[in-house]
Amino acid sequence: MNNQRFNGKFQRLQELLFITFLGDLPTLALGTKLRNLLYRKIFAQMGRSVYIQDGVEFINTSCIEVGNGVHLFKGVRLDARGHINNKIRLRDGVAIERYVDIGCLADTCIDIDSETFIGPDVCIAGPGNIKIGKRCMIAAHSGIYANNHNFTDPTQPIKYQGVTCRGIVIEDDCWLGHGVTVLDGVTIGKGSVIGAGAVVNKDIPPFSVAVGVPARVIKSRVTPVSVNGHEPLGMVEC
């Protein structure tokens, strides 16, 4: 147990030294190349041609895997602390824009698959597992929250009643518009489009167009459907 604590503290010290001295180097050829070269020593995995701007924060890098051609822009925060079984996995070609916050808690896996784009100021948070498929587009200011507070007992503070964490799945080729919120326990089917500002609190079938609070399906991308006897609009603002 003492050895584990010592190793954990040493690993965190090494991580802080690397990130403190390299993290804020200007994003010129030197800064990018040094981060690409030396961060390999502290990450669980780091692929080729990774681009990390200055000002990116990492916590518990031994639980973070970064694939080939990943782009991380200024202000991104990847926090895998909390448990040895945590995992943040960014697969090949993932691009994460400025000030995105991705965080685990206990026993959490956040897996973002190949060529997915995450827009600015998005928050992705456990402790439930989160799987985002290939070639998805998540627009700015969206939130993906794999937890929900229990509040059944009015005599107890909500903060002490625990949380549910059933997890979230966003399948391949989905587009979430500006300011979409995805709540715990939801699966969004392949090829779906979620309109701006929607709150997704239940499953969305594949190839659907959904809008509103709470989100409701107004159209299928593969089979025309009518809503309340009327043909739905062909465009959804995202």
Protein backbone atom coordinates (compact mmCIF):
# COMPACT_ATOMS: atom_id res chain seq x y z
CA MET A 1 0.00 0.00 0.00
CA ASN A 2 2.84 2.40 0.90
CA ASN A 3 4.60 1.59 -2.39
CA GLN A 4 1.39 2.34 -4.32
CA ARG A 5 1.05 5.70 -2.59
CA PHE A 6 4.69 6.56 -3.26
CA ASN A 7 4.39 5.56 -6.93
CA GLY A 8 1.21 7.58 -7.28
CA LYS A 9 2.80 10.69 -5.75
CA PHE A 10 5.93 10.30 -7.87
CA GLN A 11 3.83 9.89 -11.02
CA ARG A 12 1.81 13.02 -10.18
CA LEU A 13 5.02 14.98 -9.49
CA GLN A 14 6.46 13.90 -12.85
CA GLU A 15 3.21 14.83 -14.57
CA LEU A 16 3.17 18.28 -12.95
CA LEU A 17 6.79 18.94 -13.93
CA PHE A 18 6.22 18.02 -17.58
CA ILE A 19 2.98 19.95 -17.92
CA THR A 20 4.20 23.00 -15.96
CA PHE A 21 7.32 23.44 -18.05
CA LEU A 22 5.97 22.31 -21.41
CA GLY A 23 2.27 23.10 -21.25
CA ASP A 24 2.61 26.85 -21.74
CA LEU A 25 5.37 26.86 -24.33
CA PRO A 26 4.11 28.93 -27.28
CA THR A 27 2.42 26.92 -30.00
CA LEU A 28 5.20 27.22 -32.47
CA ALA A 29 7.07 24.34 -34.00
CA LEU A 30 9.27 23.97 -30.90
CA GLY A 31 6.47 23.93 -28.30
CA THR A 32 4.33 21.47 -30.26
CA LYS A 33 7.24 19.15 -31.01
CA LEU A 34 8.50 19.11 -27.43
CA ARG A 35 5.03 18.31 -26.07
CA ASN A 36 4.58 15.60 -28.68
CA LEU A 37 7.93 14.05 -27.81
CA LEU A 38 8.04 14.29 -24.01
CA TYR A 39 4.37 13.76 -23.12
CA ARG A 40 4.79 10.20 -24.40
CA LYS A 41 6.64 9.45 -21.18
CA ILE A 42 3.63 10.20 -18.97
CA PHE A 43 0.57 9.24 -21.07
CA ALA A 44 -0.85 5.73 -21.23
CA GLN A 45 -0.58 6.05 -25.01
CA MET A 46 0.20 8.81 -27.49
CA GLY A 47 0.09 8.33 -31.26
CA ARG A 48 1.84 10.06 -34.14
CA SER A 49 1.30 13.62 -35.39
CA VAL A 50 -0.52 14.78 -32.26
CA TYR A 51 -1.06 18.56 -32.06
CA ILE A 52 -1.38 20.03 -28.55
CA GLN A 53 -1.63 23.80 -28.21
CA ASP A 54 -0.27 25.64 -25.21
CA GLY A 55 -2.53 25.95 -22.17
CA VAL A 56 -3.98 22.41 -22.32
CA GLU A 57 -4.40 20.83 -18.85
CA PHE A 58 -4.08 17.10 -18.12
CA ILE A 59 -4.71 15.30 -14.83
CA ASN A 60 -3.80 11.62 -14.28
CA THR A 61 -2.15 11.18 -17.68
CA SER A 62 -1.46 7.50 -16.99
CA CYS A 63 -5.18 6.93 -17.65
CA ILE A 64 -5.32 9.01 -20.87
CA GLU A 65 -4.85 7.52 -24.35
CA VAL A 66 -4.36 9.77 -27.38
CA GLY A 67 -4.47 8.34 -30.92
CA ASN A 68 -2.81 9.43 -34.16
CA GLY A 69 -3.53 12.91 -35.53
CA VAL A 70 -5.46 14.14 -32.47
CA HIS A 71 -5.80 17.95 -32.14
CA LEU A 72 -6.23 19.59 -28.73
CA PHE A 73 -6.65 23.36 -28.69
CA LYS A 74 -5.97 25.98 -26.01
CA GLY A 75 -7.84 25.66 -22.72
CA VAL A 76 -8.85 22.00 -23.11
CA ARG A 77 -8.96 20.11 -19.79
CA LEU A 78 -8.77 16.30 -19.57
CA ASP A 79 -9.24 15.09 -16.00
CA ALA A 80 -8.97 11.33 -15.42
CA ARG A 81 -8.32 11.51 -11.68
CA GLY A 82 -10.27 9.60 -9.08
CA HIS A 83 -9.54 5.95 -9.77
CA ILE A 84 -6.97 3.67 -11.38
CA ASN A 85 -9.70 2.21 -13.63
CA ASN A 86 -10.58 5.59 -15.14
CA LYS A 87 -9.92 6.01 -18.84
CA ILE A 88 -10.13 8.88 -21.30
CA ARG A 89 -9.54 7.59 -24.82
CA LEU A 90 -9.27 9.91 -27.84
CA ARG A 91 -9.01 7.83 -30.98
CA ASP A 92 -7.39 8.73 -34.31
CA GLY A 93 -8.25 12.12 -35.80
CA VAL A 94 -10.31 13.46 -32.88
CA ALA A 95 -10.35 17.28 -32.73
CA ILE A 96 -11.24 19.05 -29.48
CA GLU A 97 -11.74 22.81 -29.67
CA ARG A 98 -10.99 25.47 -27.07
CA TYR A 99 -12.07 25.22 -23.44
CA VAL A 100 -13.64 21.78 -23.64
CA ASP A 101 -13.79 20.11 -20.20
CA ILE A 102 -13.77 16.29 -20.06
CA GLY A 103 -13.85 14.73 -16.59
CA CYS A 104 -14.09 11.30 -14.99
CA LEU A 105 -14.96 10.19 -11.49
CA ALA A 106 -14.75 6.64 -10.10
CA ASP A 107 -14.46 3.77 -12.61
CA THR A 108 -15.31 5.94 -15.60
CA CYS A 109 -14.46 5.36 -19.26
CA ILE A 110 -14.94 8.26 -21.69
CA ASP A 111 -14.26 7.01 -25.23
CA ILE A 112 -14.37 9.39 -28.22
CA ASP A 113 -14.02 7.53 -31.51
CA SER A 114 -12.22 8.41 -34.74
CA GLU A 115 -12.63 11.75 -36.56
CA THR A 116 -15.14 13.16 -34.08
CA PHE A 117 -15.18 16.94 -33.58
CA ILE A 118 -15.97 18.54 -30.21
CA GLY A 119 -16.76 22.28 -30.42
CA PRO A 120 -15.71 25.02 -27.97
CA ASP A 121 -16.90 25.13 -24.36
CA VAL A 122 -18.42 21.64 -24.36
CA CYS A 123 -18.57 19.75 -21.04
CA ILE A 124 -18.41 15.93 -20.95
CA ALA A 125 -18.65 14.43 -17.46
CA GLY A 126 -18.91 11.05 -15.72
CA PRO A 127 -19.12 9.10 -13.46
CA GLY A 128 -21.17 7.01 -15.88
CA ASN A 129 -19.36 5.67 -18.96
CA ILE A 130 -19.64 7.79 -22.11
CA LYS A 131 -19.14 6.46 -25.62
CA ILE A 132 -19.15 8.88 -28.58
CA GLY A 133 -18.93 7.22 -31.99
CA LYS A 134 -17.01 7.93 -35.18
CA ARG A 135 -17.34 11.13 -37.23
CA CYS A 136 -19.71 12.83 -34.79
CA MET A 137 -20.00 16.62 -34.53
CA ILE A 138 -20.76 18.17 -31.14
CA ALA A 139 -21.40 21.91 -31.42
CA ALA A 140 -20.31 24.60 -28.96
CA HIS A 141 -21.72 24.91 -25.43
CA SER A 142 -23.23 21.41 -25.40
CA GLY A 143 -23.23 19.27 -22.25
CA ILE A 144 -23.05 15.48 -21.96
CA TYR A 145 -23.65 14.43 -18.34
CA ALA A 146 -23.57 10.75 -17.36
CA ASN A 147 -24.95 11.31 -13.86
CA ASN A 148 -28.15 12.44 -12.22
CA HIS A 149 -28.74 13.45 -8.60
CA ASN A 150 -31.24 11.51 -6.50
CA PHE A 151 -33.72 13.75 -4.69
CA THR A 152 -36.51 11.44 -3.44
CA ASP A 153 -36.00 12.23 0.26
CA PRO A 154 -37.05 15.84 1.02
CA THR A 155 -35.64 15.58 4.54
CA GLN A 156 -32.07 15.14 3.32
CA PRO A 157 -29.87 17.54 1.36
CA ILE A 158 -29.82 16.51 -2.30
CA LYS A 159 -26.00 16.52 -2.32
CA TYR A 160 -26.01 13.60 0.17
CA GLN A 161 -28.53 11.39 -1.66
CA GLY A 162 -26.10 10.06 -4.23
CA VAL A 163 -26.28 9.92 -8.00
CA THR A 164 -27.29 7.53 -10.75
CA CYS A 165 -24.76 6.82 -13.47
CA ARG A 166 -26.22 4.61 -16.20
CA GLY A 167 -23.99 6.00 -18.94
CA ILE A 168 -24.46 7.62 -22.35
CA VAL A 169 -23.95 6.32 -25.88
CA ILE A 170 -23.85 8.59 -28.93
CA GLU A 171 -23.51 6.38 -31.98
CA ASP A 172 -21.58 7.08 -35.21
CA ASP A 173 -22.26 10.08 -37.47
CA CYS A 174 -24.43 12.12 -35.10
CA TRP A 175 -24.68 15.91 -35.17
CA LEU A 176 -25.56 17.73 -31.95
CA GLY A 177 -26.37 21.40 -32.50
CA HIS A 178 -25.40 24.39 -30.38
CA GLY A 179 -26.22 24.08 -26.69
CA VAL A 180 -27.63 20.54 -26.71
CA THR A 181 -27.81 18.77 -23.32
CA VAL A 182 -27.64 14.96 -23.14
CA LEU A 183 -28.66 13.40 -19.81
CA ASP A 184 -27.73 10.15 -18.12
CA GLY A 185 -29.03 6.85 -19.47
CA VAL A 186 -29.54 8.05 -23.05
CA THR A 187 -28.57 6.40 -26.33
CA ILE A 188 -28.63 8.57 -29.47
CA GLY A 189 -28.88 6.32 -32.52
CA LYS A 190 -26.54 6.37 -35.48
CA GLY A 191 -26.89 9.22 -37.96
CA SER A 192 -29.19 11.33 -35.78
CA VAL A 193 -29.42 15.14 -35.73
CA ILE A 194 -30.30 16.96 -32.49
CA GLY A 195 -31.47 20.56 -32.94
CA ALA A 196 -29.95 23.51 -31.10
CA GLY A 197 -30.87 23.85 -27.44
CA ALA A 198 -32.55 20.44 -27.16
CA VAL A 199 -32.49 18.46 -23.91
CA VAL A 200 -32.20 14.73 -24.63
CA ASN A 201 -33.60 12.73 -21.71
CA LYS A 202 -34.63 9.54 -23.52
CA ASP A 203 -33.32 7.35 -26.33
CA ILE A 204 -33.36 8.67 -29.90
CA PRO A 205 -33.77 6.08 -32.71
CA PRO A 206 -31.15 5.92 -35.47
CA PHE A 207 -31.37 8.48 -38.30
CA SER A 208 -33.79 10.71 -36.41
CA VAL A 209 -34.12 14.49 -36.29
CA ALA A 210 -35.07 15.59 -32.77
CA VAL A 211 -35.71 19.07 -31.33
CA GLY A 212 -37.11 20.71 -28.21
CA VAL A 213 -37.16 20.49 -24.43
CA PRO A 214 -37.45 17.63 -23.83
CA ALA A 215 -36.24 16.46 -27.23
CA ARG A 216 -38.84 14.80 -29.47
CA VAL A 217 -38.38 13.16 -32.84
CA ILE A 218 -39.96 15.20 -35.63
CA LYS A 219 -38.53 13.42 -38.63
CA SER A 220 -36.66 10.37 -39.84
CA ARG A 221 -33.75 10.89 -42.22
CA VAL A 222 -34.50 7.62 -44.00
CA THR A 223 -38.31 7.28 -43.93
CA PRO A 224 -40.61 10.32 -44.28
CA VAL A 225 -42.97 10.59 -41.31
CA SER A 226 -45.69 13.10 -40.55
CA VAL A 227 -46.13 14.83 -37.21
CA ASN A 228 -49.72 15.62 -36.18
CA GLY A 229 -50.80 15.08 -39.77
CA HIS A 230 -48.29 17.51 -41.24
CA GLU A 231 -45.06 16.93 -43.10
CA PRO A 232 -42.12 18.08 -40.93
CA LEU A 233 -39.79 20.81 -42.02
CA GLY A 234 -36.79 19.72 -44.03
CA MET A 235 -34.32 21.94 -42.15
CA VAL A 236 -33.47 22.03 -38.47
CA GLU A 237 -31.53 24.94 -36.99
CA CYS A 238 -28.35 23.72 -35.31
